Protein backbone atom coordinates (compact mmCIF):
# COMPACT_ATOMS: atom_id res chain seq x y z
CA UNK A 1 -14.20 19.50 -3.63
CA UNK A 2 -11.58 16.83 -4.30
CA UNK A 3 -12.70 13.31 -5.15
CA UNK A 4 -10.55 10.74 -3.34
CA UNK A 5 -10.25 7.03 -2.62
CA UNK A 6 -9.26 5.80 0.84
CA UNK A 7 -7.26 2.76 1.87
CA UNK A 8 -10.33 1.56 3.79
CA UNK A 9 -12.61 1.62 0.72
CA UNK A 10 -10.46 1.94 -2.41
CA UNK A 11 -13.37 0.88 -4.64
CA UNK A 12 -15.46 3.95 -3.66
CA UNK A 13 -14.78 7.49 -4.85
CA UNK A 14 -15.67 10.03 -2.14
CA UNK A 15 -16.13 13.80 -2.38
CA UNK A 16 -14.48 15.57 0.57
CA UNK A 17 -13.82 19.19 1.46
CA UNK A 18 -10.29 20.57 1.72
CA UNK A 19 -10.03 20.10 5.50
CA UNK A 20 -11.09 16.44 5.28
CA UNK A 21 -8.63 15.90 2.41
CA UNK A 22 -5.74 17.29 4.46
CA UNK A 23 -6.69 15.19 7.50
CA UNK A 24 -6.86 11.97 5.46
CA UNK A 25 -3.59 12.82 3.70
CA UNK A 26 -1.79 13.44 7.02
CA UNK A 27 -3.03 10.10 8.33
CA UNK A 28 -1.82 8.27 5.21
CA UNK A 29 -5.31 7.05 4.31
CA UNK A 30 -5.45 8.24 0.70
CA UNK A 31 -4.93 5.84 -2.20
CA UNK A 32 -2.45 7.25 -4.70
CA UNK A 33 -3.85 7.31 -8.22
CA UNK A 34 -1.39 5.78 -10.71
CA UNK A 35 0.16 8.25 -13.12
CA UNK A 36 1.31 7.59 -16.68
CA UNK A 37 4.91 7.83 -15.41
CA UNK A 38 4.50 5.16 -12.74
CA UNK A 39 2.72 2.77 -15.14
CA UNK A 40 5.68 2.80 -17.52
CA UNK A 41 8.13 1.65 -14.82
CA UNK A 42 9.41 -1.90 -14.41
CA UNK A 43 6.61 -4.38 -13.66
CA UNK A 44 6.30 -5.34 -10.00
CA UNK A 45 5.40 -8.55 -8.23
CA UNK A 46 2.10 -9.00 -6.38
CA UNK A 47 3.64 -7.67 -3.17
CA UNK A 48 4.54 -4.37 -4.84
CA UNK A 49 8.27 -4.94 -4.63
CA UNK A 50 10.68 -5.33 -7.52
CA UNK A 51 11.45 -8.95 -8.47
CA UNK A 52 14.64 -10.43 -7.00
CA UNK A 53 16.73 -13.50 -7.70
CA UNK A 54 16.61 -14.64 -4.07
CA UNK A 55 15.09 -18.03 -3.32
CA UNK A 56 12.85 -18.59 -0.30
CA UNK A 57 14.54 -20.13 2.72
CA UNK A 58 12.83 -22.95 4.61
CA UNK A 59 12.87 -22.61 8.39
CA UNK A 60 12.36 -25.68 10.54
CA UNK A 61 11.24 -25.87 14.14
CA UNK A 62 8.95 -23.62 16.12
CA UNK A 63 9.49 -20.24 17.67
CA UNK A 64 9.52 -20.27 21.43
CA UNK A 65 9.74 -17.53 23.98
CA UNK A 66 12.72 -17.37 26.34
CA UNK A 67 10.36 -18.09 29.22
CA UNK A 68 9.48 -21.63 28.06
């Protein structure tokens, strides 16, 4: 029985049978456990994306539908 963590409750380890594991994996609900390889990569920002040199752009006004 594999022990997994789901995206719905990543703080809880759950024992599932092989069929449940495959179903959760197909639905993309499994949390990937970090490996030693992935931990040694470049540090990432809070959003999980690599840091960039781009500055945020301020947008003024409000968004309106074409019907208004």
